[in-house]
Amino acid sequence: MTKTIALALTLALPVLGACAASPDDSMREAKEANEAQTLPMAEGTADFLVAMTDARMMDTAEGRLAFEQGTTEAIRDCGRLMVEEQKVLADELTSIAADADVTLPTTLSDEKSSVLEDLSELRGEQFDRELIETIAIDHECDLEAFAGAREMNYAPVREFAGTCTPMIERHLTLIEDIERGRSGAS
């Protein structure tokens, strides 16, 4: 339970803007590069692209873990789907960022790497439980960020958020259904 709370807090802090990246963190480097140039969009848009790229890398890594370590076919299938669909989102983010000359992180942020490392060390039911909770938290945070992005002035980001929100919602529904199935089976 303590590990669950720690994972939840670790994932929630970036959304609240309360976490600090380490000096060599790829996400921080991307943000600094973007701040050093004049970008063709409203403030906050580059930060959204950076944060969502980090989130896509995390969701892809979670999907791989689910596929490799999940104890049920449902978890493994969810992982496979996440890997496939997160690539689509990541490619779209990369395209939008390239068109706007926004620098994106190339590796997972230190905070997300730490969460991923903790998850990768778990096995069995504990792994399934923590993974499901982590994915749910990540997707809830994504939905909040996407809701804000649908109000941004930069049309490509607004359109991306609008068209991709249903995919994130589907992933969240899928993981919640898996959790309900696990809870019902216990």
Protein backbone atom coordinates (compact mmCIF):
# COMPACT_ATOMS: atom_id res chain seq x y z
CA MET A 1 0.00 0.00 0.00
CA THR A 2 2.84 2.38 0.85
CA LYS A 3 4.46 1.67 -2.51
CA THR A 4 1.11 2.38 -4.21
CA ILE A 5 0.87 5.75 -2.48
CA ALA A 6 4.47 6.55 -3.38
CA LEU A 7 3.84 5.65 -7.03
CA ALA A 8 0.66 7.73 -7.07
CA LEU A 9 2.41 10.76 -5.60
CA THR A 10 5.36 10.40 -7.94
CA LEU A 11 3.05 10.38 -10.94
CA ALA A 12 0.76 13.15 -9.71
CA LEU A 13 3.46 15.67 -8.82
CA PRO A 14 4.51 16.47 -12.42
CA VAL A 15 0.92 17.27 -13.32
CA LEU A 16 0.72 19.64 -10.39
CA GLY A 17 4.00 21.23 -11.43
CA ALA A 18 5.57 20.42 -8.09
CA CYS A 19 8.45 18.21 -9.12
CA ALA A 20 11.95 19.24 -10.05
CA ALA A 21 13.96 17.40 -12.65
CA SER A 22 17.53 16.37 -12.11
CA PRO A 23 20.27 18.34 -13.91
CA ASP A 24 20.65 15.75 -16.69
CA ASP A 25 16.95 15.02 -17.16
CA SER A 26 15.97 14.94 -20.86
CA MET A 27 12.63 16.59 -20.14
CA ARG A 28 14.30 19.53 -18.37
CA GLU A 29 16.79 19.89 -21.20
CA ALA A 30 13.96 20.05 -23.75
CA LYS A 31 12.11 22.68 -21.71
CA GLU A 32 15.27 24.79 -21.44
CA ALA A 33 15.92 24.52 -25.17
CA ASN A 34 12.36 25.66 -25.90
CA GLU A 35 12.59 28.57 -23.46
CA ALA A 36 15.77 29.75 -25.19
CA GLN A 37 14.00 30.30 -28.52
CA THR A 38 10.99 32.17 -29.78
CA LEU A 39 8.30 29.64 -30.63
CA PRO A 40 5.29 30.25 -32.91
CA MET A 41 2.74 29.39 -30.24
CA ALA A 42 1.26 30.52 -26.96
CA GLU A 43 3.08 29.95 -23.72
CA GLY A 44 2.45 26.49 -22.29
CA THR A 45 2.08 24.77 -25.64
CA ALA A 46 5.71 23.64 -25.84
CA ASP A 47 5.48 22.46 -22.23
CA PHE A 48 2.42 20.39 -23.15
CA LEU A 49 4.29 18.79 -26.08
CA VAL A 50 7.27 18.01 -23.85
CA ALA A 51 5.15 16.58 -21.03
CA MET A 52 3.00 14.52 -23.36
CA THR A 53 6.05 13.12 -25.14
CA ASP A 54 7.37 12.01 -21.75
CA ALA A 55 3.95 10.54 -20.96
CA ARG A 56 3.87 8.64 -24.26
CA MET A 57 7.30 7.17 -23.54
CA MET A 58 6.07 6.14 -20.09
CA ASP A 59 2.86 4.61 -21.40
CA THR A 60 4.81 2.68 -24.04
CA ALA A 61 7.19 1.36 -21.38
CA GLU A 62 4.24 0.44 -19.12
CA GLY A 63 2.68 -1.38 -22.05
CA ARG A 64 5.85 -3.35 -22.66
CA LEU A 65 6.01 -4.29 -18.97
CA ALA A 66 2.36 -5.32 -19.02
CA PHE A 67 3.00 -7.51 -22.04
CA GLU A 68 6.15 -9.05 -20.57
CA GLN A 69 5.20 -9.43 -16.90
CA GLY A 70 1.42 -9.34 -16.69
CA THR A 71 -0.10 -12.43 -15.11
CA THR A 72 -3.30 -12.40 -17.14
CA GLU A 73 -4.04 -12.38 -20.84
CA ALA A 74 -6.13 -9.22 -20.34
CA ILE A 75 -3.17 -7.32 -18.90
CA ARG A 76 -0.82 -8.58 -21.60
CA ASP A 77 -3.35 -7.65 -24.33
CA CYS A 78 -3.76 -4.20 -22.81
CA GLY A 79 0.01 -3.78 -22.83
CA ARG A 80 0.24 -4.77 -26.48
CA LEU A 81 -2.52 -2.30 -27.40
CA MET A 82 -0.87 0.50 -25.43
CA VAL A 83 2.46 -0.01 -27.16
CA GLU A 84 0.82 0.09 -30.60
CA GLU A 85 -1.42 3.09 -29.94
CA GLN A 86 1.10 5.13 -27.95
CA LYS A 87 3.43 4.97 -30.94
CA VAL A 88 0.73 6.64 -33.04
CA LEU A 89 0.39 9.42 -30.45
CA ALA A 90 4.15 9.81 -30.11
CA ASP A 91 4.56 10.10 -33.87
CA GLU A 92 1.88 12.80 -34.01
CA LEU A 93 3.55 14.72 -31.17
CA THR A 94 6.90 14.48 -32.95
CA SER A 95 5.37 15.83 -36.15
CA ILE A 96 3.67 18.75 -34.40
CA ALA A 97 6.86 19.58 -32.50
CA ALA A 98 8.99 19.42 -35.66
CA ASP A 99 6.64 21.79 -37.49
CA ALA A 100 6.82 24.24 -34.57
CA ASP A 101 10.56 23.79 -33.93
CA VAL A 102 9.90 22.50 -30.40
CA THR A 103 12.58 20.35 -28.78
CA LEU A 104 11.22 17.14 -27.26
CA PRO A 105 12.80 14.87 -24.67
CA THR A 106 14.57 11.84 -26.09
CA THR A 107 14.51 9.71 -22.97
CA LEU A 108 12.06 9.14 -20.17
CA SER A 109 12.19 11.70 -17.37
CA ASP A 110 14.01 10.70 -14.21
CA GLU A 111 10.79 10.64 -12.20
CA LYS A 112 9.01 8.34 -14.61
CA SER A 113 12.14 6.19 -14.97
CA SER A 114 12.16 5.71 -11.22
CA VAL A 115 8.50 4.62 -11.21
CA LEU A 116 9.16 2.28 -14.12
CA GLU A 117 12.16 0.77 -12.35
CA ASP A 118 10.05 0.15 -9.24
CA LEU A 119 7.35 -1.51 -11.35
CA SER A 120 9.83 -3.70 -13.22
CA GLU A 121 11.07 -5.18 -9.94
CA LEU A 122 7.60 -6.39 -8.94
CA ARG A 123 6.17 -9.80 -9.83
CA GLY A 124 2.85 -11.61 -9.83
CA GLU A 125 -0.28 -10.10 -8.34
CA GLN A 126 1.67 -7.23 -6.80
CA PHE A 127 3.00 -6.27 -10.23
CA ASP A 128 -0.49 -6.43 -11.76
CA ARG A 129 -2.00 -4.33 -8.98
CA GLU A 130 0.70 -1.62 -9.07
CA LEU A 131 0.78 -1.54 -12.87
CA ILE A 132 -2.97 -1.12 -13.13
CA GLU A 133 -2.95 1.68 -10.59
CA THR A 134 0.00 3.42 -12.27
CA ILE A 135 -1.58 3.23 -15.73
CA ALA A 136 -4.88 4.55 -14.38
CA ILE A 137 -3.18 7.49 -12.68
CA ASP A 138 -1.13 8.25 -15.81
CA HIS A 139 -4.19 8.23 -18.04
CA GLU A 140 -6.25 10.37 -15.65
CA CYS A 141 -3.42 12.92 -15.65
CA ASP A 142 -3.23 12.74 -19.45
CA LEU A 143 -6.95 13.43 -19.74
CA GLU A 144 -6.57 16.53 -17.56
CA ALA A 145 -3.69 17.76 -19.71
CA PHE A 146 -5.59 17.00 -22.93
CA ALA A 147 -8.62 18.92 -21.65
CA GLY A 148 -6.40 21.96 -21.13
CA ALA A 149 -4.76 21.49 -24.52
CA ARG A 150 -8.14 21.57 -26.26
CA GLU A 151 -8.34 25.19 -25.10
CA MET A 152 -4.87 26.21 -26.34
CA ASN A 153 -4.43 28.77 -29.09
CA TYR A 154 -2.10 26.62 -31.20
CA ALA A 155 -4.41 24.74 -33.60
CA PRO A 156 -2.26 21.63 -34.18
CA VAL A 157 -2.10 20.94 -30.44
CA ARG A 158 -5.79 21.69 -29.99
CA GLU A 159 -6.65 19.27 -32.80
CA PHE A 160 -4.25 16.61 -31.50
CA ALA A 161 -5.81 16.77 -28.04
CA GLY A 162 -9.31 16.61 -29.48
CA THR A 163 -8.68 13.64 -31.74
CA CYS A 164 -6.49 11.68 -29.32
CA THR A 165 -8.54 12.06 -26.15
CA PRO A 166 -10.83 9.13 -27.10
CA MET A 167 -7.80 6.82 -27.32
CA ILE A 168 -6.64 7.78 -23.83
CA GLU A 169 -10.21 7.36 -22.55
CA ARG A 170 -10.36 3.87 -24.11
CA HIS A 171 -7.11 2.88 -22.43
CA LEU A 172 -8.38 4.15 -19.08
CA THR A 173 -11.68 2.29 -19.50
CA LEU A 174 -9.84 -0.88 -20.46
CA ILE A 175 -7.56 -0.75 -17.42
CA GLU A 176 -10.53 0.04 -15.13
CA ASP A 177 -12.40 -2.96 -16.60
CA ILE A 178 -9.36 -5.16 -15.94
CA GLU A 179 -9.23 -3.89 -12.36
CA ARG A 180 -12.93 -4.56 -11.85
CA GLY A 181 -12.41 -8.07 -13.21
CA ARG A 182 -9.51 -8.63 -10.85
CA SER A 183 -11.47 -7.27 -7.89
CA GLY A 184 -14.46 -9.46 -8.75
CA ALA A 185 -12.25 -12.51 -9.01
CA SER A 186 -10.68 -11.99 -5.56
